[in-house]
Amino acid sequence: MAKYECEQCGMGVADMKCAKCGESLEHDHLTKEDGTKVAIAKCPSGCGKIKSPMCCGHDMACDL
């Protein structure tokens, strides 16, 4: 279960689930063509992925 927390205000979210299969989304990174990485949350069953949550204008951190 991925738990995201804002490093600025402390707001957090945990256990986001896939609407298709009900599995908990997992934290991962996507590497763009220019080499930069984007934090994502993906379905372990392969249903899809979304950009990780944001708060206070920044990506929320995820400790695994």
N, C-alpha and C. Protein backbone atom coordinates (compact mmCIF):
# COMPACT_ATOMS: atom_id res chain seq x y z
N MET A 1 0.85 -1.19 0.00
CA MET A 1 0.00 0.00 0.00
C MET A 1 0.89 1.24 0.00
N ALA A 2 0.67 2.11 -0.96
CA ALA A 2 1.43 3.36 -1.05
C ALA A 2 0.79 4.42 -0.17
N LYS A 3 1.60 5.12 0.59
CA LYS A 3 1.13 6.24 1.42
C LYS A 3 1.91 7.48 0.99
N TYR A 4 1.16 8.49 0.54
CA TYR A 4 1.76 9.75 0.09
C TYR A 4 1.55 10.81 1.15
N GLU A 5 2.58 11.65 1.37
CA GLU A 5 2.48 12.72 2.36
C GLU A 5 3.14 13.98 1.83
N CYS A 6 2.49 15.12 2.07
CA CYS A 6 3.03 16.41 1.66
C CYS A 6 4.14 16.81 2.62
N GLU A 7 5.30 17.11 2.07
CA GLU A 7 6.44 17.50 2.91
C GLU A 7 6.30 18.91 3.46
N GLN A 8 5.34 19.70 2.92
CA GLN A 8 5.17 21.07 3.40
C GLN A 8 4.11 21.19 4.49
N CYS A 9 2.93 20.56 4.28
CA CYS A 9 1.84 20.74 5.25
C CYS A 9 1.48 19.48 6.02
N GLY A 10 1.99 18.32 5.59
CA GLY A 10 1.72 17.08 6.30
C GLY A 10 0.46 16.35 5.88
N MET A 11 -0.32 16.92 4.96
CA MET A 11 -1.52 16.24 4.47
C MET A 11 -1.10 14.94 3.82
N GLY A 12 -1.89 13.88 3.94
CA GLY A 12 -1.51 12.61 3.35
C GLY A 12 -2.70 11.84 2.79
N VAL A 13 -2.39 10.89 1.91
CA VAL A 13 -3.40 9.96 1.38
C VAL A 13 -2.78 8.57 1.40
N ALA A 14 -3.63 7.56 1.61
CA ALA A 14 -3.14 6.19 1.66
C ALA A 14 -4.14 5.25 1.01
N ASP A 15 -3.63 4.17 0.47
CA ASP A 15 -4.41 3.06 -0.07
C ASP A 15 -5.40 3.50 -1.16
N MET A 16 -4.87 4.17 -2.19
CA MET A 16 -5.69 4.49 -3.36
C MET A 16 -5.92 3.18 -4.10
N LYS A 17 -7.12 2.96 -4.59
CA LYS A 17 -7.47 1.69 -5.24
C LYS A 17 -7.88 1.90 -6.69
N CYS A 18 -7.61 0.89 -7.51
CA CYS A 18 -8.01 0.87 -8.91
C CYS A 18 -9.52 0.67 -8.99
N ALA A 19 -10.19 1.51 -9.77
CA ALA A 19 -11.64 1.40 -9.92
C ALA A 19 -12.05 0.19 -10.75
N LYS A 20 -11.14 -0.34 -11.58
CA LYS A 20 -11.47 -1.49 -12.43
C LYS A 20 -11.40 -2.81 -11.65
N CYS A 21 -10.30 -3.02 -10.88
CA CYS A 21 -10.11 -4.32 -10.25
C CYS A 21 -10.09 -4.29 -8.72
N GLY A 22 -10.01 -3.09 -8.12
CA GLY A 22 -10.04 -2.97 -6.67
C GLY A 22 -8.69 -3.14 -5.98
N GLU A 23 -7.60 -3.37 -6.74
CA GLU A 23 -6.27 -3.52 -6.15
C GLU A 23 -5.74 -2.17 -5.68
N SER A 24 -4.92 -2.19 -4.62
CA SER A 24 -4.27 -0.97 -4.15
C SER A 24 -3.20 -0.54 -5.14
N LEU A 25 -3.18 0.75 -5.49
CA LEU A 25 -2.18 1.27 -6.41
C LEU A 25 -0.81 1.26 -5.75
N GLU A 26 0.23 1.05 -6.57
CA GLU A 26 1.62 1.00 -6.10
C GLU A 26 2.38 2.21 -6.62
N HIS A 27 3.31 2.70 -5.79
CA HIS A 27 4.15 3.83 -6.18
C HIS A 27 5.21 3.37 -7.17
N ASP A 28 5.50 4.21 -8.18
CA ASP A 28 6.53 3.91 -9.16
C ASP A 28 6.97 5.22 -9.81
N HIS A 29 7.89 5.16 -10.73
CA HIS A 29 8.36 6.32 -11.49
C HIS A 29 8.31 6.02 -12.97
N LEU A 30 8.07 7.04 -13.74
CA LEU A 30 8.06 6.95 -15.20
C LEU A 30 9.19 7.86 -15.68
N THR A 31 10.09 7.35 -16.53
CA THR A 31 11.18 8.16 -17.05
C THR A 31 10.78 8.72 -18.41
N LYS A 32 10.81 10.06 -18.51
CA LYS A 32 10.46 10.73 -19.75
C LYS A 32 11.63 10.70 -20.73
N GLU A 33 11.37 11.05 -22.00
CA GLU A 33 12.40 11.03 -23.04
C GLU A 33 13.60 11.91 -22.70
N ASP A 34 13.38 13.00 -21.96
CA ASP A 34 14.49 13.89 -21.60
C ASP A 34 15.26 13.42 -20.37
N GLY A 35 14.89 12.25 -19.82
CA GLY A 35 15.59 11.66 -18.68
C GLY A 35 15.02 12.02 -17.32
N THR A 36 14.10 12.99 -17.27
CA THR A 36 13.50 13.34 -15.99
C THR A 36 12.50 12.26 -15.58
N LYS A 37 12.31 12.14 -14.26
CA LYS A 37 11.39 11.13 -13.74
C LYS A 37 10.14 11.79 -13.18
N VAL A 38 9.01 11.12 -13.37
CA VAL A 38 7.72 11.58 -12.87
C VAL A 38 7.19 10.50 -11.94
N ALA A 39 6.76 10.88 -10.74
CA ALA A 39 6.18 9.93 -9.80
C ALA A 39 4.78 9.55 -10.26
N ILE A 40 4.48 8.24 -10.24
CA ILE A 40 3.17 7.74 -10.64
C ILE A 40 2.66 6.73 -9.61
N ALA A 41 1.37 6.46 -9.68
CA ALA A 41 0.74 5.38 -8.92
C ALA A 41 0.15 4.45 -9.96
N LYS A 42 0.53 3.15 -9.92
CA LYS A 42 0.08 2.23 -10.96
C LYS A 42 -0.64 1.02 -10.36
N CYS A 43 -1.52 0.45 -11.17
CA CYS A 43 -2.25 -0.75 -10.77
C CYS A 43 -1.32 -1.95 -10.95
N PRO A 44 -1.16 -2.79 -9.93
CA PRO A 44 -0.30 -3.96 -10.06
C PRO A 44 -0.85 -5.00 -11.03
N SER A 45 -2.13 -4.92 -11.36
CA SER A 45 -2.75 -5.85 -12.31
C SER A 45 -2.64 -5.37 -13.75
N GLY A 46 -2.07 -4.18 -13.95
CA GLY A 46 -1.86 -3.66 -15.29
C GLY A 46 -3.03 -2.88 -15.87
N CYS A 47 -3.98 -2.48 -15.03
CA CYS A 47 -5.14 -1.73 -15.53
C CYS A 47 -4.78 -0.32 -16.00
N GLY A 48 -3.71 0.26 -15.45
CA GLY A 48 -3.31 1.61 -15.85
C GLY A 48 -2.48 2.29 -14.79
N LYS A 49 -2.22 3.58 -15.00
CA LYS A 49 -1.43 4.37 -14.06
C LYS A 49 -1.90 5.81 -14.09
N ILE A 50 -1.64 6.52 -12.99
CA ILE A 50 -1.97 7.94 -12.87
C ILE A 50 -0.76 8.68 -12.32
N LYS A 51 -0.72 9.99 -12.51
CA LYS A 51 0.33 10.78 -11.88
C LYS A 51 0.11 10.74 -10.37
N SER A 52 1.18 10.72 -9.62
CA SER A 52 1.05 10.68 -8.17
C SER A 52 0.37 11.95 -7.66
N PRO A 53 -0.21 11.90 -6.45
CA PRO A 53 -0.91 13.07 -5.90
C PRO A 53 0.01 14.28 -5.71
N MET A 54 -0.61 15.46 -5.76
CA MET A 54 0.10 16.71 -5.52
C MET A 54 -0.56 17.46 -4.37
N CYS A 55 0.21 18.27 -3.65
CA CYS A 55 -0.31 19.12 -2.59
C CYS A 55 0.64 20.31 -2.47
N CYS A 56 0.13 21.45 -2.16
CA CYS A 56 0.94 22.67 -2.02
C CYS A 56 1.80 22.93 -3.25
N GLY A 57 1.31 22.50 -4.43
CA GLY A 57 2.00 22.74 -5.68
C GLY A 57 3.16 21.81 -5.99
N HIS A 58 3.33 20.73 -5.19
CA HIS A 58 4.45 19.80 -5.38
C HIS A 58 3.93 18.36 -5.31
N ASP A 59 4.70 17.43 -5.94
CA ASP A 59 4.39 16.02 -5.79
C ASP A 59 4.50 15.62 -4.32
N MET A 60 3.56 14.82 -3.86
CA MET A 60 3.62 14.31 -2.50
C MET A 60 4.68 13.20 -2.45
N ALA A 61 5.38 13.07 -1.35
CA ALA A 61 6.42 12.06 -1.19
C ALA A 61 5.78 10.73 -0.81
N CYS A 62 6.43 9.64 -1.23
CA CYS A 62 5.95 8.30 -0.91
C CYS A 62 7.10 7.49 -0.35
N ASP A 63 7.01 7.09 0.91
CA ASP A 63 8.01 6.22 1.53
C ASP A 63 7.50 4.79 1.48
N LEU A 64 8.30 3.92 0.91
CA LEU A 64 7.91 2.50 0.84
C LEU A 64 8.78 1.69 1.75
